[in-house]
Amino acid sequence: MFEMAMLLAQVDGAVGTGIGMGLAILGAGLGIGRIGGSAVESIARQPEAGGTISTQMLISAALIEGATVIALILLYIS
């Protein structure tokens, strides 16, 4: 997804950058939504592991957010 966004950013200045940023944000939103849904489902199945699952979910979401911010910065400066 990131490579496609960077390719679109090189196509035509503002239009490519806008499409690339949209794809980067869309991918991050889908990823974080899937992580959250899976975490809630896992906690419902095994409530005693809720603390561990929540911690791992937050770490994963933070890593996705970091990658998205880097992608948006690279798209913006290209």
N, C-alpha and C. Protein backbone atom coordinates (compact mmCIF):
# COMPACT_ATOMS: atom_id res chain seq x y z
N MET A 1 0.83 -1.19 0.00
CA MET A 1 0.00 0.00 0.00
C MET A 1 0.87 1.25 0.00
N PHE A 2 1.94 1.23 0.82
CA PHE A 2 2.82 2.40 0.91
C PHE A 2 3.51 2.68 -0.42
N GLU A 3 3.95 1.61 -1.10
CA GLU A 3 4.63 1.79 -2.37
C GLU A 3 3.68 2.38 -3.41
N MET A 4 2.43 1.94 -3.39
CA MET A 4 1.45 2.47 -4.33
C MET A 4 1.18 3.95 -4.05
N ALA A 5 1.12 4.32 -2.79
CA ALA A 5 0.90 5.71 -2.43
C ALA A 5 2.07 6.58 -2.89
N MET A 6 3.30 6.08 -2.71
CA MET A 6 4.47 6.85 -3.15
C MET A 6 4.51 6.97 -4.67
N LEU A 7 4.11 5.92 -5.39
CA LEU A 7 4.06 5.96 -6.84
C LEU A 7 3.06 7.00 -7.32
N LEU A 8 1.89 7.05 -6.68
CA LEU A 8 0.88 8.04 -7.05
C LEU A 8 1.34 9.46 -6.75
N ALA A 9 2.14 9.63 -5.72
CA ALA A 9 2.63 10.96 -5.37
C ALA A 9 3.55 11.50 -6.45
N GLN A 10 4.20 10.62 -7.18
CA GLN A 10 5.12 11.05 -8.23
C GLN A 10 4.41 11.32 -9.55
N VAL A 11 3.15 10.90 -9.67
CA VAL A 11 2.43 11.01 -10.93
C VAL A 11 2.16 12.47 -11.29
N ASP A 12 1.45 13.18 -10.47
CA ASP A 12 1.07 14.55 -10.83
C ASP A 12 0.92 15.40 -9.57
N GLY A 13 2.00 15.85 -9.02
CA GLY A 13 2.02 16.80 -7.92
C GLY A 13 0.91 16.68 -6.91
N ALA A 14 0.02 17.66 -6.89
CA ALA A 14 -1.01 17.77 -5.86
C ALA A 14 -2.03 16.64 -5.92
N VAL A 15 -2.42 16.25 -7.11
CA VAL A 15 -3.43 15.19 -7.24
C VAL A 15 -2.87 13.87 -6.73
N GLY A 16 -1.66 13.52 -7.17
CA GLY A 16 -1.05 12.28 -6.72
C GLY A 16 -0.79 12.28 -5.23
N THR A 17 -0.35 13.42 -4.69
CA THR A 17 -0.09 13.51 -3.26
C THR A 17 -1.38 13.33 -2.48
N GLY A 18 -2.45 13.94 -2.93
CA GLY A 18 -3.73 13.80 -2.26
C GLY A 18 -4.25 12.38 -2.27
N ILE A 19 -4.13 11.72 -3.41
CA ILE A 19 -4.57 10.33 -3.49
C ILE A 19 -3.69 9.45 -2.62
N GLY A 20 -2.39 9.68 -2.66
CA GLY A 20 -1.46 8.89 -1.84
C GLY A 20 -1.73 9.06 -0.36
N MET A 21 -1.98 10.30 0.08
CA MET A 21 -2.29 10.53 1.50
C MET A 21 -3.60 9.86 1.89
N GLY A 22 -4.57 9.92 1.01
CA GLY A 22 -5.84 9.27 1.29
C GLY A 22 -5.69 7.77 1.45
N LEU A 23 -4.88 7.16 0.58
CA LEU A 23 -4.65 5.71 0.68
C LEU A 23 -3.89 5.35 1.95
N ALA A 24 -2.92 6.18 2.33
CA ALA A 24 -2.16 5.91 3.55
C ALA A 24 -3.07 5.98 4.77
N ILE A 25 -3.94 6.98 4.83
CA ILE A 25 -4.85 7.12 5.96
C ILE A 25 -5.90 6.01 5.96
N LEU A 26 -6.38 5.66 4.77
CA LEU A 26 -7.36 4.57 4.67
C LEU A 26 -6.77 3.26 5.16
N GLY A 27 -5.55 2.96 4.75
CA GLY A 27 -4.91 1.73 5.20
C GLY A 27 -4.70 1.70 6.70
N ALA A 28 -4.30 2.83 7.26
CA ALA A 28 -4.10 2.90 8.72
C ALA A 28 -5.43 2.73 9.45
N GLY A 29 -6.46 3.36 8.95
CA GLY A 29 -7.77 3.23 9.60
C GLY A 29 -8.29 1.80 9.57
N LEU A 30 -8.13 1.14 8.44
CA LEU A 30 -8.55 -0.25 8.35
C LEU A 30 -7.73 -1.15 9.28
N GLY A 31 -6.44 -0.91 9.34
CA GLY A 31 -5.58 -1.72 10.21
C GLY A 31 -5.91 -1.55 11.68
N ILE A 32 -6.07 -0.31 12.10
CA ILE A 32 -6.40 -0.06 13.52
C ILE A 32 -7.79 -0.58 13.85
N GLY A 33 -8.73 -0.45 12.92
CA GLY A 33 -10.06 -0.99 13.15
C GLY A 33 -10.05 -2.50 13.30
N ARG A 34 -9.25 -3.15 12.49
CA ARG A 34 -9.15 -4.61 12.60
C ARG A 34 -8.49 -5.03 13.91
N ILE A 35 -7.45 -4.31 14.31
CA ILE A 35 -6.80 -4.60 15.59
C ILE A 35 -7.79 -4.44 16.74
N GLY A 36 -8.53 -3.34 16.73
CA GLY A 36 -9.49 -3.10 17.81
C GLY A 36 -10.58 -4.15 17.86
N GLY A 37 -11.12 -4.51 16.70
CA GLY A 37 -12.17 -5.53 16.66
C GLY A 37 -11.68 -6.88 17.15
N SER A 38 -10.48 -7.24 16.71
CA SER A 38 -9.91 -8.52 17.14
C SER A 38 -9.62 -8.52 18.64
N ALA A 39 -9.16 -7.39 19.16
CA ALA A 39 -8.86 -7.31 20.59
C ALA A 39 -10.13 -7.45 21.42
N VAL A 40 -11.19 -6.78 21.01
CA VAL A 40 -12.45 -6.88 21.75
C VAL A 40 -12.99 -8.32 21.71
N GLU A 41 -12.89 -8.95 20.55
CA GLU A 41 -13.34 -10.33 20.42
C GLU A 41 -12.50 -11.26 21.30
N SER A 42 -11.20 -11.02 21.34
CA SER A 42 -10.31 -11.86 22.17
C SER A 42 -10.60 -11.67 23.65
N ILE A 43 -10.84 -10.44 24.06
CA ILE A 43 -11.15 -10.17 25.47
C ILE A 43 -12.49 -10.80 25.85
N ALA A 44 -13.44 -10.81 24.90
CA ALA A 44 -14.73 -11.43 25.18
C ALA A 44 -14.59 -12.94 25.37
N ARG A 45 -13.67 -13.54 24.63
CA ARG A 45 -13.46 -14.99 24.75
C ARG A 45 -12.64 -15.36 25.99
N GLN A 46 -11.70 -14.49 26.35
CA GLN A 46 -10.81 -14.80 27.47
C GLN A 46 -10.62 -13.53 28.32
N PRO A 47 -11.58 -13.21 29.18
CA PRO A 47 -11.54 -11.96 29.94
C PRO A 47 -10.33 -11.80 30.85
N GLU A 48 -9.78 -12.89 31.35
CA GLU A 48 -8.64 -12.77 32.27
C GLU A 48 -7.38 -12.28 31.57
N ALA A 49 -7.32 -12.35 30.25
CA ALA A 49 -6.15 -11.87 29.51
C ALA A 49 -6.38 -10.46 28.96
N GLY A 50 -7.40 -9.78 29.45
CA GLY A 50 -7.76 -8.46 28.94
C GLY A 50 -6.65 -7.43 29.03
N GLY A 51 -5.92 -7.42 30.14
CA GLY A 51 -4.85 -6.44 30.30
C GLY A 51 -3.73 -6.63 29.29
N THR A 52 -3.32 -7.86 29.09
CA THR A 52 -2.25 -8.16 28.13
C THR A 52 -2.69 -7.85 26.71
N ILE A 53 -3.91 -8.23 26.38
CA ILE A 53 -4.42 -7.99 25.03
C ILE A 53 -4.53 -6.50 24.76
N SER A 54 -5.02 -5.74 25.74
CA SER A 54 -5.14 -4.29 25.57
C SER A 54 -3.79 -3.63 25.37
N THR A 55 -2.80 -4.06 26.13
CA THR A 55 -1.46 -3.49 25.99
C THR A 55 -0.90 -3.77 24.60
N GLN A 56 -1.03 -5.00 24.14
CA GLN A 56 -0.52 -5.34 22.82
C GLN A 56 -1.28 -4.61 21.72
N MET A 57 -2.56 -4.40 21.92
CA MET A 57 -3.36 -3.67 20.95
C MET A 57 -2.89 -2.23 20.84
N LEU A 58 -2.65 -1.59 21.97
CA LEU A 58 -2.20 -0.20 21.96
C LEU A 58 -0.81 -0.06 21.33
N ILE A 59 0.08 -1.00 21.59
CA ILE A 59 1.41 -0.96 20.98
C ILE A 59 1.30 -1.11 19.47
N SER A 60 0.48 -2.05 19.01
CA SER A 60 0.29 -2.25 17.58
C SER A 60 -0.32 -1.03 16.91
N ALA A 61 -1.31 -0.43 17.55
CA ALA A 61 -1.94 0.77 16.99
C ALA A 61 -0.95 1.92 16.93
N ALA A 62 -0.09 2.05 17.93
CA ALA A 62 0.91 3.12 17.92
C ALA A 62 1.92 2.92 16.79
N LEU A 63 2.30 1.67 16.54
CA LEU A 63 3.23 1.40 15.44
C LEU A 63 2.60 1.71 14.09
N ILE A 64 1.33 1.39 13.93
CA ILE A 64 0.64 1.72 12.68
C ILE A 64 0.54 3.23 12.52
N GLU A 65 0.21 3.94 13.59
CA GLU A 65 0.13 5.40 13.53
C GLU A 65 1.48 6.00 13.16
N GLY A 66 2.55 5.47 13.73
CA GLY A 66 3.88 5.98 13.40
C GLY A 66 4.22 5.79 11.94
N ALA A 67 3.93 4.62 11.41
CA ALA A 67 4.19 4.36 9.99
C ALA A 67 3.34 5.27 9.11
N THR A 68 2.11 5.54 9.53
CA THR A 68 1.24 6.43 8.76
C THR A 68 1.75 7.85 8.76
N VAL A 69 2.21 8.33 9.90
CA VAL A 69 2.75 9.69 9.97
C VAL A 69 3.99 9.81 9.08
N ILE A 70 4.85 8.82 9.11
CA ILE A 70 6.04 8.85 8.25
C ILE A 70 5.62 8.87 6.78
N ALA A 71 4.63 8.04 6.41
CA ALA A 71 4.14 8.02 5.03
C ALA A 71 3.58 9.38 4.63
N LEU A 72 2.79 10.00 5.52
CA LEU A 72 2.21 11.30 5.19
C LEU A 72 3.29 12.37 5.05
N ILE A 73 4.30 12.33 5.88
CA ILE A 73 5.40 13.31 5.76
C ILE A 73 6.14 13.11 4.46
N LEU A 74 6.45 11.87 4.11
CA LEU A 74 7.16 11.61 2.86
C LEU A 74 6.33 12.00 1.65
N LEU A 75 5.03 11.76 1.71
CA LEU A 75 4.17 12.17 0.60
C LEU A 75 4.08 13.67 0.50
N TYR A 76 4.04 14.33 1.64
CA TYR A 76 3.91 15.79 1.63
C TYR A 76 5.14 16.47 1.07
N ILE A 77 6.33 15.95 1.39
CA ILE A 77 7.54 16.61 0.91
C ILE A 77 7.92 16.19 -0.50
N SER A 78 7.28 15.17 -1.04
CA SER A 78 7.64 14.73 -2.40
C SER A 78 6.99 15.61 -3.45
